[in-house]
C-alpha atoms as a PDB file:
ATOM      1  CA  MET A   1     -49.101 -76.035  52.455  1.00  0.00           C
ATOM      2  CA  THR A   2     -47.471 -72.439  52.710  1.00  0.00           C
ATOM      3  CA  GLU A   3     -44.211 -74.022  52.850  1.00  0.00           C
ATOM      4  CA  SER A   4     -44.241 -75.263  49.797  1.00  0.00           C
ATOM      5  CA  ILE A   5     -45.123 -71.769  48.403  1.00  0.00           C
ATOM      6  CA  ARG A   6     -42.326 -70.037  50.123  1.00  0.00           C
ATOM      7  CA  PRO A   7     -39.613 -72.174  48.043  1.00  0.00           C
ATOM      8  CA  ARG A   8     -40.981 -71.580  44.590  1.00  0.00           C
ATOM      9  CA  ARG A   9     -41.488 -67.549  46.067  1.00  0.00           C
ATOM     10  CA  ALA A  10     -37.758 -67.894  46.625  1.00  0.00           C
ATOM     11  CA  VAL A  11     -36.777 -69.176  43.702  1.00  0.00           C
ATOM     12  CA  ARG A  12     -39.102 -66.831  41.394  1.00  0.00           C
ATOM     13  CA  ILE A  13     -37.009 -64.036  43.947  1.00  0.00           C
ATOM     14  CA  LEU A  14     -33.481 -65.336  43.309  1.00  0.00           C
ATOM     15  CA  LEU A  15     -34.168 -65.381  39.404  1.00  0.00           C
ATOM     16  CA  VAL A  16     -35.960 -62.021  39.191  1.00  0.00           C
ATOM     17  CA  THR A  17     -32.657 -60.861  41.256  1.00  0.00           C
ATOM     18  CA  ALA A  18     -29.852 -62.372  38.873  1.00  0.00           C
ATOM     19  CA  GLY A  19     -31.999 -61.148  35.521  1.00  0.00           C
ATOM     20  CA  THR A  20     -31.747 -57.871  37.047  1.00  0.00           C
ATOM     21  CA  LEU A  21     -27.807 -58.315  37.306  1.00  0.00           C
ATOM     22  CA  ALA A  22     -27.872 -60.039  33.984  1.00  0.00           C
ATOM     23  CA  VAL A  23     -29.484 -56.952  32.152  1.00  0.00           C
ATOM     24  CA  GLY A  24     -27.126 -54.389  34.178  1.00  0.00           C
ATOM     25  CA  LEU A  25     -24.230 -55.903  33.290  1.00  0.00           C
ATOM     26  CA  GLY A  26     -25.723 -56.599  29.785  1.00  0.00           C
ATOM     27  CA  VAL A  27     -25.617 -52.472  29.225  1.00  0.00           C
ATOM     28  CA  LEU A  28     -22.463 -52.641  30.742  1.00  0.00           C
ATOM     29  CA  GLY A  29     -21.196 -54.555  28.381  1.00  0.00           C
ATOM     30  CA  ILE A  30     -22.725 -52.213  25.707  1.00  0.00           C
ATOM     31  CA  PHE A  31     -20.281 -49.794  26.441  1.00  0.00           C
ATOM     32  CA  LEU A  32     -16.870 -51.636  27.896  1.00  0.00           C
ATOM     33  CA  PRO A  33     -16.529 -53.616  24.556  1.00  0.00           C
ATOM     34  CA  LEU A  34     -14.661 -56.999  26.777  1.00  0.00           C
ATOM     35  CA  VAL A  35     -18.137 -57.321  28.974  1.00  0.00           C
ATOM     36  CA  PRO A  36     -20.259 -60.080  26.777  1.00  0.00           C
ATOM     37  CA  THR A  37     -23.598 -58.050  25.980  1.00  0.00           C
ATOM     38  CA  THR A  38     -25.695 -61.172  24.429  1.00  0.00           C
ATOM     39  CA  PRO A  39     -24.891 -63.500  26.777  1.00  0.00           C
ATOM     40  CA  PHE A  40     -25.865 -61.305  29.812  1.00  0.00           C
ATOM     41  CA  LEU A  41     -28.852 -60.140  27.980  1.00  0.00           C
ATOM     42  CA  LEU A  42     -29.882 -63.601  27.211  1.00  0.00           C
ATOM     43  CA  LEU A  43     -29.307 -64.887  30.677  1.00  0.00           C
ATOM     44  CA  ALA A  44     -31.805 -61.940  31.889  1.00  0.00           C
ATOM     45  CA  ALA A  45     -34.385 -63.442  29.449  1.00  0.00           C
ATOM     46  CA  TRP A  46     -34.109 -66.906  30.630  1.00  0.00           C
ATOM     47  CA  CYS A  47     -34.733 -65.713  34.184  1.00  0.00           C
ATOM     48  CA  TYR A  48     -36.573 -63.438  33.830  1.00  0.00           C
ATOM     49  CA  ALA A  49     -39.321 -65.827  31.821  1.00  0.00           C
ATOM     50  CA  ARG A  50     -38.494 -68.408  34.672  1.00  0.00           C
ATOM     51  CA  GLY A  51     -39.094 -65.720  37.283  1.00  0.00           C
ATOM     52  CA  SER A  52     -41.562 -63.276  36.480  1.00  0.00           C
ATOM     53  CA  GLU A  53     -43.707 -63.328  33.350  1.00  0.00           C
ATOM     54  CA  ARG A  54     -44.426 -59.527  33.925  1.00  0.00           C
ATOM     55  CA  VAL A  55     -40.802 -58.497  34.233  1.00  0.00           C
ATOM     56  CA  TYR A  56     -39.885 -60.787  30.830  1.00  0.00           C
ATOM     57  CA  LYS A  57     -42.356 -59.052  28.626  1.00  0.00           C
ATOM     58  CA  ARG A  58     -41.088 -55.599  30.261  1.00  0.00           C
ATOM     59  CA  LEU A  59     -37.441 -56.719  29.074  1.00  0.00           C
ATOM     60  CA  LEU A  60     -39.067 -57.571  25.777  1.00  0.00           C
ATOM     61  CA  ALA A  61     -40.647 -54.352  24.870  1.00  0.00           C
ATOM     62  CA  ASN A  62     -37.730 -52.390  25.875  1.00  0.00           C
ATOM     63  CA  ARG A  63     -36.931 -49.729  23.305  1.00  0.00           C
ATOM     64  CA  TRP A  64     -33.520 -50.374  23.273  1.00  0.00           C
ATOM     65  CA  LEU A  65     -33.166 -54.057  24.538  1.00  0.00           C
ATOM     66  CA  GLY A  66     -35.889 -55.813  23.143  1.00  0.00           C
ATOM     67  CA  PRO A  67     -35.354 -55.898  19.565  1.00  0.00           C
ATOM     68  CA  TYR A  68     -31.733 -56.712  20.107  1.00  0.00           C
ATOM     69  CA  ILE A  69     -32.626 -60.022  22.054  1.00  0.00           C
ATOM     70  CA  ARG A  70     -35.424 -61.064  19.610  1.00  0.00           C
ATOM     71  CA  ASN A  71     -33.252 -60.394  16.608  1.00  0.00           C
ATOM     72  CA  TYR A  72     -30.528 -62.607  18.098  1.00  0.00           C
ATOM     73  CA  ARG A  73     -33.177 -65.226  19.374  1.00  0.00           C
ATOM     74  CA  GLU A  74     -34.554 -65.521  16.284  1.00  0.00           C
ATOM     75  CA  GLY A  75     -31.466 -65.914  14.327  1.00  0.00           C
ATOM     76  CA  ARG A  76     -32.120 -62.573  12.554  1.00  0.00           C
ATOM     77  CA  GLY A  77     -28.244 -60.997  14.043  1.00  0.00           C
ATOM     78  CA  MET A  78     -27.529 -57.210  14.303  1.00  0.00           C
ATOM     79  CA  THR A  79     -27.788 -54.594  12.266  1.00  0.00           C
ATOM     80  CA  MET A  80     -24.909 -53.146   9.933  1.00  0.00           C
ATOM     81  CA  ARG A  81     -25.054 -50.180  12.337  1.00  0.00           C
ATOM     82  CA  VAL A  82     -24.843 -51.674  15.607  1.00  0.00           C
ATOM     83  CA  LYS A  83     -21.992 -54.405  14.210  1.00  0.00           C
ATOM     84  CA  VAL A  84     -19.898 -50.740  12.465  1.00  0.00           C
ATOM     85  CA  SER A  85     -20.389 -49.126  15.766  1.00  0.00           C
ATOM     86  CA  THR A  86     -19.452 -52.049  18.371  1.00  0.00           C
ATOM     87  CA  LEU A  87     -16.497 -52.980  16.285  1.00  0.00           C
ATOM     88  CA  LEU A  88     -15.260 -49.348  16.046  1.00  0.00           C
ATOM     89  CA  MET A  89     -15.299 -49.078  20.153  1.00  0.00           C
ATOM     90  CA  LEU A  90     -13.575 -52.756  20.416  1.00  0.00           C
ATOM     91  CA  TRP A  91     -10.787 -51.313  18.286  1.00  0.00           C
ATOM     92  CA  ILE A  92     -10.914 -48.401  20.094  1.00  0.00           C
ATOM     93  CA  ALA A  93     -10.524 -49.739  23.468  1.00  0.00           C
ATOM     94  CA  ILE A  94      -8.225 -52.691  22.532  1.00  0.00           C
ATOM     95  CA  GLY A  95      -6.198 -50.404  20.886  1.00  0.00           C
ATOM     96  CA  ILE A  96      -5.703 -48.329  23.909  1.00  0.00           C
ATOM     97  CA  GLY A  97      -5.431 -51.425  26.171  1.00  0.00           C
ATOM     98  CA  ALA A  98      -2.853 -52.546  24.002  1.00  0.00           C
ATOM     99  CA  GLY A  99      -1.402 -49.660  23.528  1.00  0.00           C
ATOM    100  CA  PHE A 100      -0.993 -47.798  26.415  1.00  0.00           C
ATOM    101  CA  VAL A 101      -2.191 -49.927  29.339  1.00  0.00           C
ATOM    102  CA  ALA A 102      -0.910 -53.732  28.877  1.00  0.00           C
ATOM    103  CA  PRO A 103       3.165 -53.261  29.550  1.00  0.00           C
ATOM    104  CA  MET A 104       3.699 -57.016  28.587  1.00  0.00           C
ATOM    105  CA  TRP A 105       3.735 -57.968  25.124  1.00  0.00           C
ATOM    106  CA  TRP A 106       2.015 -61.536  26.089  1.00  0.00           C
ATOM    107  CA  ALA A 107      -1.054 -58.979  27.844  1.00  0.00           C
ATOM    108  CA  ARG A 108      -0.931 -56.888  24.328  1.00  0.00           C
ATOM    109  CA  LEU A 109      -1.021 -60.071  22.421  1.00  0.00           C
ATOM    110  CA  LEU A 110      -4.027 -61.121  24.303  1.00  0.00           C
ATOM    111  CA  LEU A 111      -5.923 -58.258  23.917  1.00  0.00           C
ATOM    112  CA  VAL A 112      -5.699 -58.236  20.306  1.00  0.00           C
ATOM    113  CA  ALA A 113      -6.288 -62.051  19.906  1.00  0.00           C
ATOM    114  CA  VAL A 114      -9.723 -61.287  21.853  1.00  0.00           C
ATOM    115  CA  ALA A 115     -10.366 -58.819  19.352  1.00  0.00           C
ATOM    116  CA  VAL A 116      -9.623 -60.739  16.873  1.00  0.00           C
ATOM    117  CA  GLY A 117     -12.258 -63.660  18.323  1.00  0.00           C
ATOM    118  CA  VAL A 118     -14.390 -61.102  18.907  1.00  0.00           C
ATOM    119  CA  THR A 119     -14.556 -59.481  15.313  1.00  0.00           C
ATOM    120  CA  ALA A 120     -14.688 -62.856  13.809  1.00  0.00           C
ATOM    121  CA  TYR A 121     -17.848 -63.661  15.911  1.00  0.00           C
ATOM    122  CA  LEU A 122     -19.653 -60.759  14.892  1.00  0.00           C
ATOM    123  CA  LEU A 123     -18.701 -60.725  11.044  1.00  0.00           C
ATOM    124  CA  ARG A 124     -20.199 -64.253  11.025  1.00  0.00           C
ATOM    125  CA  LEU A 125     -23.790 -63.104  12.685  1.00  0.00           C
ATOM    126  CA  PRO A 126     -26.810 -62.449  10.043  1.00  0.00           C
ATOM    127  CA  THR A 127     -26.800 -58.776   9.266  1.00  0.00           C
ATOM    128  CA  ALA A 128     -30.590 -57.661  10.279  1.00  0.00           C
ATOM    129  CA  GLN A 129     -32.261 -55.328   7.260  1.00  0.00           C
ATOM    130  CA  THR A 130     -33.794 -53.250   9.958  1.00  0.00           C
ATOM    131  CA  VAL A 131     -34.395 -53.427  14.036  1.00  0.00           C
ATOM    132  CA  ASP A 132     -37.383 -55.625  14.747  1.00  0.00           C
ATOM    133  CA  SER A 133     -40.025 -53.099  16.124  1.00  0.00           C
ATOM    134  CA  VAL A 134     -42.341 -53.540  19.653  1.00  0.00           C
END
């Protein structure tokens, strides 16, 4: 009987660990425009929901990340303020990268193409009127 309990516990530990890594990458994505924030936060929510209900509830109750995850999952999208700040940071980073860091023309073109794709995606998301509160 104890052998069947151990694998479940190990899976839960792995899920919480993967979720925590995903939260870290998602938070990093807030500051680094080419690192995707939303997929990592949604992955973290998925991992936590299956690994630890307590940690999942804490993530959704988080002051900064919870409303972002709930708005996205419920189809409300992002607030205009978040869209504008995200696009501004994205284009500043891409401008610096394409203008000063990428030495080859095709690398510059690739950076601009990624920025155009991300911009199109963000502009197609619904604009939430207000941030969902806990």
